[in-house]
Amino acid sequence: MTEEQARKIMSTVKEAVTVDTATFKTVSELFGSLGINQEQFESAFECIGKDLGFVLKRTRGNAAVVRYVQFSHDTDPEKYFRNILQLFLPYRLTEDLKPEGFQTFEQFYHNGQWLLDTVVHSVKTPVDVGKHLRKNLK
């Protein structure tokens, strides 16, 4: 595999993982939608992947992404708040993360509420708890 082919595969995967409309997919679903397979990805990663912003860990012969892109609150607040809402707030559809009436993910984070077990909760509370737990696990 040439370096140019490897860069094309890796940039396609990275873009698919970070695009605004991306939803969680299995690795096989992601690769299938991109028209590549596991072997092509691993070859591309071995060729140039070490400097592209994520780490590959092998587990029982299978690859797993163990790090992912993290956005800065200062430089890209909209992507930052979307990311933390996706990580720490239960949701089924992307629209659940920014319901009608909210212009930005940040507005929903600060002012939104959601219903859990017939009790209304602030969106900020479980997200902050999740962020705190993640920080302590590192």
Protein backbone atom coordinates (compact mmCIF):
# COMPACT_ATOMS: atom_id res chain seq x y z
CA MET A 1 0.00 0.00 0.00
CA THR A 2 1.36 3.40 -0.92
CA GLU A 3 1.50 6.24 1.55
CA GLU A 4 -1.01 8.18 -0.56
CA GLN A 5 -3.52 5.30 -0.43
CA ALA A 6 -2.97 4.96 3.32
CA ARG A 7 -3.53 8.69 3.89
CA LYS A 8 -6.74 8.56 1.86
CA ILE A 9 -8.10 5.61 3.88
CA MET A 10 -7.13 7.13 7.23
CA SER A 11 -8.55 10.57 6.42
CA THR A 12 -11.80 8.97 5.21
CA VAL A 13 -12.13 7.01 8.47
CA LYS A 14 -11.25 10.02 10.61
CA GLU A 15 -13.76 12.22 8.77
CA ALA A 16 -16.50 9.59 9.13
CA VAL A 17 -15.87 9.33 12.86
CA THR A 18 -15.86 13.09 13.49
CA VAL A 19 -18.55 14.33 11.09
CA ASP A 20 -21.44 16.20 12.75
CA THR A 21 -24.07 13.67 11.66
CA ALA A 22 -22.06 10.60 12.65
CA THR A 23 -23.77 8.13 14.93
CA PHE A 24 -22.24 5.28 16.83
CA LYS A 25 -21.60 2.30 14.56
CA THR A 26 -19.80 -0.98 14.90
CA VAL A 27 -16.40 -1.14 13.24
CA SER A 28 -17.73 -3.45 10.53
CA GLU A 29 -20.66 -1.08 9.81
CA LEU A 30 -18.30 1.89 9.62
CA PHE A 31 -15.84 0.14 7.32
CA GLY A 32 -18.67 -1.25 5.18
CA SER A 33 -20.16 2.20 4.68
CA LEU A 34 -16.72 3.47 3.61
CA GLY A 35 -16.03 0.55 1.27
CA ILE A 36 -12.96 -0.72 3.12
CA ASN A 37 -12.24 -3.73 5.29
CA GLN A 38 -10.33 -4.36 8.52
CA GLU A 39 -7.16 -5.46 6.73
CA GLN A 40 -7.04 -2.32 4.59
CA PHE A 41 -7.50 -0.14 7.67
CA GLU A 42 -4.76 -1.95 9.59
CA SER A 43 -2.36 -1.70 6.65
CA ALA A 44 -3.07 2.02 6.34
CA PHE A 45 -2.62 2.49 10.08
CA GLU A 46 0.70 0.66 10.07
CA CYS A 47 1.83 2.83 7.17
CA ILE A 48 0.95 6.30 8.53
CA GLY A 49 -1.65 6.10 11.31
CA LYS A 50 0.50 6.93 14.29
CA ASP A 51 0.13 10.69 13.77
CA LEU A 52 -3.58 10.99 12.98
CA GLY A 53 -5.13 11.62 16.40
CA PHE A 54 -6.27 8.20 17.55
CA VAL A 55 -4.64 5.09 18.96
CA LEU A 56 -5.26 1.53 17.82
CA LYS A 57 -5.15 -1.23 20.41
CA ARG A 58 -5.23 -4.88 19.51
CA THR A 59 -7.44 -7.11 21.63
CA ARG A 60 -7.59 -10.84 20.92
CA GLY A 61 -6.72 -10.29 17.31
CA ASN A 62 -9.26 -7.50 16.79
CA ALA A 63 -8.55 -3.81 16.47
CA ALA A 64 -10.25 -1.26 18.69
CA VAL A 65 -10.05 2.53 18.77
CA VAL A 66 -9.21 3.39 22.36
CA ARG A 67 -8.84 7.15 21.94
CA TYR A 68 -10.94 9.53 19.95
CA VAL A 69 -10.90 13.14 18.91
CA GLN A 70 -11.57 15.60 21.73
CA PHE A 71 -12.66 19.13 20.95
CA SER A 72 -11.60 22.27 22.78
CA HIS A 73 -14.20 24.31 24.65
CA ASP A 74 -12.37 27.48 23.63
CA THR A 75 -11.70 26.85 19.93
CA ASP A 76 -14.76 24.79 18.92
CA PRO A 77 -17.49 25.01 21.59
CA GLU A 78 -20.30 23.58 19.43
CA LYS A 79 -18.40 20.35 18.70
CA TYR A 80 -17.17 20.23 22.31
CA PHE A 81 -20.68 20.32 23.77
CA ARG A 82 -22.06 17.90 21.16
CA ASN A 83 -19.27 15.49 22.04
CA ILE A 84 -19.83 15.57 25.80
CA LEU A 85 -23.60 15.26 25.37
CA GLN A 86 -23.07 12.20 23.15
CA LEU A 87 -20.74 10.65 25.70
CA PHE A 88 -22.68 11.24 28.90
CA LEU A 89 -26.37 11.78 28.11
CA PRO A 90 -28.57 8.82 27.16
CA TYR A 91 -30.12 9.40 23.72
CA ARG A 92 -31.56 7.48 20.78
CA LEU A 93 -31.47 10.06 18.01
CA THR A 94 -29.02 12.87 17.34
CA GLU A 95 -32.00 15.24 17.54
CA ASP A 96 -32.36 14.26 21.23
CA LEU A 97 -29.09 16.09 21.90
CA LYS A 98 -30.40 19.41 20.60
CA PRO A 99 -34.22 19.45 20.78
CA GLU A 100 -36.41 22.10 19.20
CA GLY A 101 -36.12 25.41 20.97
CA PHE A 102 -32.34 25.19 21.42
CA GLN A 103 -30.07 26.83 18.87
CA THR A 104 -26.83 25.22 20.06
CA PHE A 105 -25.66 22.17 21.97
CA GLU A 106 -24.22 24.54 24.57
CA GLN A 107 -27.66 26.07 25.22
CA PHE A 108 -29.14 22.60 25.74
CA TYR A 109 -26.25 21.67 28.05
CA HIS A 110 -26.76 24.73 30.26
CA ASN A 111 -30.56 25.11 30.13
CA GLY A 112 -32.00 21.78 28.99
CA GLN A 113 -33.89 19.22 31.04
CA TRP A 114 -34.70 15.56 30.47
CA LEU A 115 -37.04 13.07 32.09
CA LEU A 116 -35.70 9.99 33.89
CA ASP A 117 -37.93 7.77 36.01
CA THR A 118 -40.67 10.42 36.07
CA VAL A 119 -38.23 12.98 37.53
CA VAL A 120 -37.05 16.02 35.56
CA HIS A 121 -33.28 16.47 35.64
CA SER A 122 -30.99 19.21 34.40
CA VAL A 123 -28.92 18.05 31.42
CA LYS A 124 -25.81 19.56 32.99
CA THR A 125 -25.87 17.33 36.10
CA PRO A 126 -25.34 13.83 34.59
CA VAL A 127 -22.93 15.20 32.00
CA ASP A 128 -20.79 16.84 34.69
CA VAL A 129 -20.86 13.63 36.77
CA GLY A 130 -19.74 11.63 33.73
CA LYS A 131 -16.95 14.10 32.94
CA HIS A 132 -15.78 13.95 36.57
CA LEU A 133 -15.76 10.14 36.56
CA ARG A 134 -13.89 10.01 33.26
CA LYS A 135 -11.30 12.47 34.53
CA ASN A 136 -10.73 10.38 37.68
CA LEU A 137 -10.32 7.17 35.65
CA LYS A 138 -7.50 8.61 33.53
